[in-house]
Structures are given as C-alpha cells and as structure tokens.
Amino acid sequence: NLGPIPLTRLLSAQTSQLDGDTEQARIHYTAMLENKETEMIAIKGLLIQARQDGDLSKAIFLAEKAFKTRPDAEWAISILTENLYLVGPELC
C-alpha cells in the first residue's frame, strides 16, 4: 500500500517526465528514495532518466544499487548487463 503521499510523488514524477521536465522528475524521484516502499520505483525512474541523458556510468551505478537492494529484480540485472556491454571492457 503506497498511501497518498508516495503515490502523489510517483504521479508527479511521471507527469514531469512526460512533460519533458526532467529536473522536476529527478527531484520527485530523489525524494522517493527516502521511502523503502518507493525506493525501487525511484531508482528505476532515475535510471531511465540517466539512460535518456546518455549517462551510462550513472545508469550502471543505479542498476547496481537496484540489484543490491533487490537481487531478484530482473529488470535491474538486464539493464546492468546491457549498460556494461555498452561501455565495453574499460569498466569491466
């Protein structure tokens, strides 16, 4: 149960993202990191933004964080593997 506050933050983050206001979306997602119930959603939102911004090192950092938080998160493993492949051997 996300309750009203976390749900409001999620909707605000996603609305900002759809409106192209990446900075406001980042603010909402970052605030969501403080709540264990919304932490993984926030990590995924920030990770998607990092990938859209072309910031592979940040995307890798966030995918690693997601994997450490929830090792069963298949999307985190998939994105981590994909991003490590994209950066090549210099970071592996």
N, C-alpha and C. Protein backbone atom coordinates (compact mmCIF):
# COMPACT_ATOMS: atom_id res chain seq x y z
N ASN A 1 0.84 -1.19 0.00
CA ASN A 1 0.00 0.00 0.00
C ASN A 1 0.88 1.24 0.00
N LEU A 2 0.87 1.98 -1.09
CA LEU A 2 1.70 3.17 -1.19
C LEU A 2 1.13 4.37 -0.43
N GLY A 3 -0.15 4.41 -0.20
CA GLY A 3 -0.73 5.54 0.51
C GLY A 3 -0.72 6.79 -0.35
N PRO A 4 -1.30 7.86 0.15
CA PRO A 4 -1.47 9.06 -0.68
C PRO A 4 -0.18 9.82 -0.99
N ILE A 5 0.74 9.98 -0.04
CA ILE A 5 1.94 10.78 -0.28
C ILE A 5 2.87 10.12 -1.30
N PRO A 6 3.28 8.86 -1.10
CA PRO A 6 4.14 8.23 -2.10
C PRO A 6 3.50 8.17 -3.49
N LEU A 7 2.20 7.90 -3.52
CA LEU A 7 1.50 7.83 -4.81
C LEU A 7 1.51 9.19 -5.49
N THR A 8 1.32 10.25 -4.72
CA THR A 8 1.35 11.60 -5.27
C THR A 8 2.74 11.92 -5.83
N ARG A 9 3.77 11.52 -5.10
CA ARG A 9 5.14 11.75 -5.59
C ARG A 9 5.40 10.99 -6.88
N LEU A 10 4.95 9.75 -6.93
CA LEU A 10 5.13 8.95 -8.15
C LEU A 10 4.41 9.58 -9.33
N LEU A 11 3.17 9.96 -9.13
CA LEU A 11 2.41 10.58 -10.22
C LEU A 11 3.04 11.91 -10.64
N SER A 12 3.53 12.67 -9.69
CA SER A 12 4.20 13.94 -10.01
C SER A 12 5.47 13.71 -10.80
N ALA A 13 6.24 12.70 -10.40
CA ALA A 13 7.48 12.38 -11.11
C ALA A 13 7.19 11.94 -12.54
N GLN A 14 6.21 11.07 -12.70
CA GLN A 14 5.88 10.57 -14.03
C GLN A 14 5.28 11.66 -14.91
N THR A 15 4.46 12.52 -14.32
CA THR A 15 3.90 13.64 -15.08
C THR A 15 5.00 14.58 -15.55
N SER A 16 5.93 14.89 -14.65
CA SER A 16 7.05 15.75 -15.02
C SER A 16 7.86 15.13 -16.14
N GLN A 17 8.08 13.82 -16.05
CA GLN A 17 8.84 13.12 -17.07
C GLN A 17 8.13 13.20 -18.42
N LEU A 18 6.83 12.98 -18.42
CA LEU A 18 6.06 13.04 -19.67
C LEU A 18 6.03 14.45 -20.25
N ASP A 19 6.06 15.46 -19.37
CA ASP A 19 6.07 16.85 -19.82
C ASP A 19 7.46 17.30 -20.28
N GLY A 20 8.45 16.44 -20.11
CA GLY A 20 9.81 16.79 -20.51
C GLY A 20 10.57 17.58 -19.46
N ASP A 21 10.01 17.72 -18.27
CA ASP A 21 10.67 18.46 -17.18
C ASP A 21 11.51 17.47 -16.37
N THR A 22 12.67 17.13 -16.90
CA THR A 22 13.50 16.10 -16.28
C THR A 22 14.02 16.52 -14.91
N GLU A 23 14.27 17.80 -14.73
CA GLU A 23 14.77 18.26 -13.43
C GLU A 23 13.72 18.07 -12.34
N GLN A 24 12.48 18.43 -12.63
CA GLN A 24 11.41 18.25 -11.64
C GLN A 24 11.17 16.76 -11.39
N ALA A 25 11.22 15.95 -12.43
CA ALA A 25 11.07 14.50 -12.26
C ALA A 25 12.18 13.97 -11.36
N ARG A 26 13.40 14.42 -11.59
CA ARG A 26 14.55 14.00 -10.78
C ARG A 26 14.33 14.37 -9.31
N ILE A 27 13.80 15.55 -9.06
CA ILE A 27 13.53 15.98 -7.68
C ILE A 27 12.53 15.04 -7.01
N HIS A 28 11.46 14.72 -7.72
CA HIS A 28 10.44 13.82 -7.16
C HIS A 28 11.00 12.42 -6.92
N TYR A 29 11.71 11.88 -7.91
CA TYR A 29 12.28 10.54 -7.75
C TYR A 29 13.30 10.50 -6.61
N THR A 30 14.10 11.54 -6.49
CA THR A 30 15.09 11.59 -5.41
C THR A 30 14.41 11.60 -4.05
N ALA A 31 13.32 12.34 -3.92
CA ALA A 31 12.56 12.35 -2.66
C ALA A 31 12.00 10.97 -2.36
N MET A 32 11.64 10.23 -3.40
CA MET A 32 11.07 8.90 -3.21
C MET A 32 12.11 7.88 -2.73
N LEU A 33 13.40 8.18 -2.90
CA LEU A 33 14.45 7.27 -2.44
C LEU A 33 14.43 7.10 -0.92
N GLU A 34 13.89 8.06 -0.21
CA GLU A 34 13.89 8.04 1.25
C GLU A 34 12.85 7.09 1.84
N ASN A 35 11.96 6.59 1.02
CA ASN A 35 10.89 5.71 1.49
C ASN A 35 11.14 4.31 0.95
N LYS A 36 11.25 3.33 1.84
CA LYS A 36 11.53 1.95 1.41
C LYS A 36 10.47 1.41 0.44
N GLU A 37 9.22 1.88 0.57
CA GLU A 37 8.15 1.41 -0.30
C GLU A 37 8.29 1.93 -1.73
N THR A 38 8.93 3.06 -1.90
CA THR A 38 9.05 3.66 -3.23
C THR A 38 10.49 3.70 -3.74
N GLU A 39 11.42 3.18 -2.96
CA GLU A 39 12.83 3.26 -3.34
C GLU A 39 13.13 2.62 -4.70
N MET A 40 12.61 1.43 -4.95
CA MET A 40 12.90 0.75 -6.21
C MET A 40 12.27 1.47 -7.40
N ILE A 41 11.07 2.00 -7.21
CA ILE A 41 10.42 2.77 -8.27
C ILE A 41 11.25 4.01 -8.59
N ALA A 42 11.76 4.64 -7.52
CA ALA A 42 12.59 5.84 -7.70
C ALA A 42 13.89 5.51 -8.43
N ILE A 43 14.52 4.44 -8.02
CA ILE A 43 15.77 4.03 -8.68
C ILE A 43 15.52 3.78 -10.16
N LYS A 44 14.44 3.08 -10.47
CA LYS A 44 14.14 2.77 -11.87
C LYS A 44 13.86 4.06 -12.65
N GLY A 45 13.12 5.00 -12.06
CA GLY A 45 12.84 6.27 -12.72
C GLY A 45 14.11 7.06 -12.99
N LEU A 46 14.99 7.13 -11.98
CA LEU A 46 16.26 7.85 -12.15
C LEU A 46 17.16 7.14 -13.16
N LEU A 47 17.10 5.82 -13.16
CA LEU A 47 17.90 5.04 -14.11
C LEU A 47 17.44 5.30 -15.54
N ILE A 48 16.16 5.33 -15.75
CA ILE A 48 15.62 5.62 -17.08
C ILE A 48 16.06 7.00 -17.53
N GLN A 49 16.02 7.98 -16.62
CA GLN A 49 16.46 9.33 -16.98
C GLN A 49 17.95 9.35 -17.31
N ALA A 50 18.74 8.64 -16.53
CA ALA A 50 20.19 8.61 -16.79
C ALA A 50 20.47 8.02 -18.18
N ARG A 51 19.76 6.98 -18.52
CA ARG A 51 19.94 6.38 -19.85
C ARG A 51 19.52 7.35 -20.95
N GLN A 52 18.39 8.04 -20.75
CA GLN A 52 17.93 9.01 -21.74
C GLN A 52 18.92 10.16 -21.89
N ASP A 53 19.59 10.51 -20.79
CA ASP A 53 20.60 11.58 -20.82
C ASP A 53 21.93 11.09 -21.37
N GLY A 54 22.05 9.78 -21.60
CA GLY A 54 23.30 9.22 -22.10
C GLY A 54 24.36 9.06 -21.03
N ASP A 55 23.97 9.10 -19.76
CA ASP A 55 24.89 8.99 -18.64
C ASP A 55 24.97 7.52 -18.21
N LEU A 56 25.79 6.76 -18.93
CA LEU A 56 25.88 5.33 -18.68
C LEU A 56 26.48 5.01 -17.33
N SER A 57 27.44 5.79 -16.86
CA SER A 57 28.04 5.49 -15.56
C SER A 57 27.01 5.66 -14.44
N LYS A 58 26.15 6.67 -14.55
CA LYS A 58 25.09 6.83 -13.55
C LYS A 58 24.06 5.71 -13.68
N ALA A 59 23.74 5.32 -14.89
CA ALA A 59 22.80 4.22 -15.11
C ALA A 59 23.34 2.93 -14.50
N ILE A 60 24.63 2.68 -14.68
CA ILE A 60 25.25 1.48 -14.11
C ILE A 60 25.21 1.54 -12.59
N PHE A 61 25.55 2.71 -12.03
CA PHE A 61 25.51 2.89 -10.57
C PHE A 61 24.11 2.59 -10.03
N LEU A 62 23.09 3.13 -10.69
CA LEU A 62 21.71 2.93 -10.23
C LEU A 62 21.25 1.48 -10.41
N ALA A 63 21.66 0.84 -11.50
CA ALA A 63 21.31 -0.57 -11.71
C ALA A 63 21.97 -1.44 -10.65
N GLU A 64 23.22 -1.12 -10.30
CA GLU A 64 23.90 -1.86 -9.23
C GLU A 64 23.18 -1.65 -7.90
N LYS A 65 22.76 -0.42 -7.63
CA LYS A 65 22.03 -0.11 -6.40
C LYS A 65 20.72 -0.89 -6.35
N ALA A 66 20.02 -0.95 -7.48
CA ALA A 66 18.76 -1.70 -7.54
C ALA A 66 19.02 -3.19 -7.29
N PHE A 67 20.07 -3.71 -7.90
CA PHE A 67 20.40 -5.12 -7.74
C PHE A 67 20.77 -5.44 -6.30
N LYS A 68 21.53 -4.55 -5.65
CA LYS A 68 21.90 -4.77 -4.24
C LYS A 68 20.69 -4.68 -3.32
N THR A 69 19.75 -3.81 -3.68
CA THR A 69 18.55 -3.64 -2.87
C THR A 69 17.60 -4.82 -3.05
N ARG A 70 17.45 -5.25 -4.30
CA ARG A 70 16.54 -6.37 -4.62
C ARG A 70 17.20 -7.26 -5.66
N PRO A 71 17.99 -8.23 -5.22
CA PRO A 71 18.68 -9.12 -6.18
C PRO A 71 17.75 -9.88 -7.11
N ASP A 72 16.47 -9.94 -6.78
CA ASP A 72 15.52 -10.65 -7.64
C ASP A 72 14.89 -9.74 -8.70
N ALA A 73 15.31 -8.49 -8.76
CA ALA A 73 14.77 -7.54 -9.75
C ALA A 73 15.41 -7.82 -11.11
N GLU A 74 14.70 -8.57 -11.94
CA GLU A 74 15.25 -8.97 -13.24
C GLU A 74 15.56 -7.78 -14.12
N TRP A 75 14.75 -6.70 -14.05
CA TRP A 75 14.99 -5.53 -14.87
C TRP A 75 16.34 -4.90 -14.51
N ALA A 76 16.72 -4.93 -13.24
CA ALA A 76 17.99 -4.35 -12.83
C ALA A 76 19.16 -5.14 -13.41
N ILE A 77 19.06 -6.45 -13.36
CA ILE A 77 20.11 -7.31 -13.92
C ILE A 77 20.22 -7.09 -15.42
N SER A 78 19.09 -7.02 -16.09
CA SER A 78 19.08 -6.83 -17.54
C SER A 78 19.70 -5.49 -17.93
N ILE A 79 19.29 -4.43 -17.25
CA ILE A 79 19.82 -3.09 -17.57
C ILE A 79 21.29 -3.00 -17.22
N LEU A 80 21.69 -3.58 -16.09
CA LEU A 80 23.09 -3.56 -15.69
C LEU A 80 23.95 -4.26 -16.73
N THR A 81 23.52 -5.43 -17.16
CA THR A 81 24.26 -6.19 -18.17
C THR A 81 24.35 -5.42 -19.48
N GLU A 82 23.24 -4.85 -19.90
CA GLU A 82 23.21 -4.09 -21.14
C GLU A 82 24.15 -2.88 -21.08
N ASN A 83 24.11 -2.15 -19.98
CA ASN A 83 24.96 -0.96 -19.87
C ASN A 83 26.44 -1.31 -19.77
N LEU A 84 26.75 -2.39 -19.06
CA LEU A 84 28.15 -2.81 -19.01
C LEU A 84 28.65 -3.23 -20.39
N TYR A 85 27.79 -3.83 -21.17
CA TYR A 85 28.14 -4.20 -22.54
C TYR A 85 28.40 -2.94 -23.39
N LEU A 86 27.56 -1.91 -23.19
CA LEU A 86 27.70 -0.68 -23.97
C LEU A 86 29.00 0.08 -23.67
N VAL A 87 29.44 0.06 -22.41
CA VAL A 87 30.66 0.80 -22.08
C VAL A 87 31.91 0.03 -22.46
N GLY A 88 31.76 -1.27 -22.66
CA GLY A 88 32.89 -2.06 -23.11
C GLY A 88 33.83 -2.45 -22.00
N PRO A 89 34.99 -2.93 -22.37
CA PRO A 89 35.92 -3.51 -21.38
C PRO A 89 36.57 -2.49 -20.43
N GLU A 90 36.49 -1.19 -20.73
CA GLU A 90 37.17 -0.23 -19.86
C GLU A 90 36.61 -0.18 -18.45
N LEU A 91 35.33 -0.55 -18.26
CA LEU A 91 34.76 -0.54 -16.91
C LEU A 91 34.57 -1.95 -16.35
N CYS A 92 34.75 -2.96 -17.17
CA CYS A 92 34.54 -4.34 -16.69
C CYS A 92 35.75 -4.87 -15.98
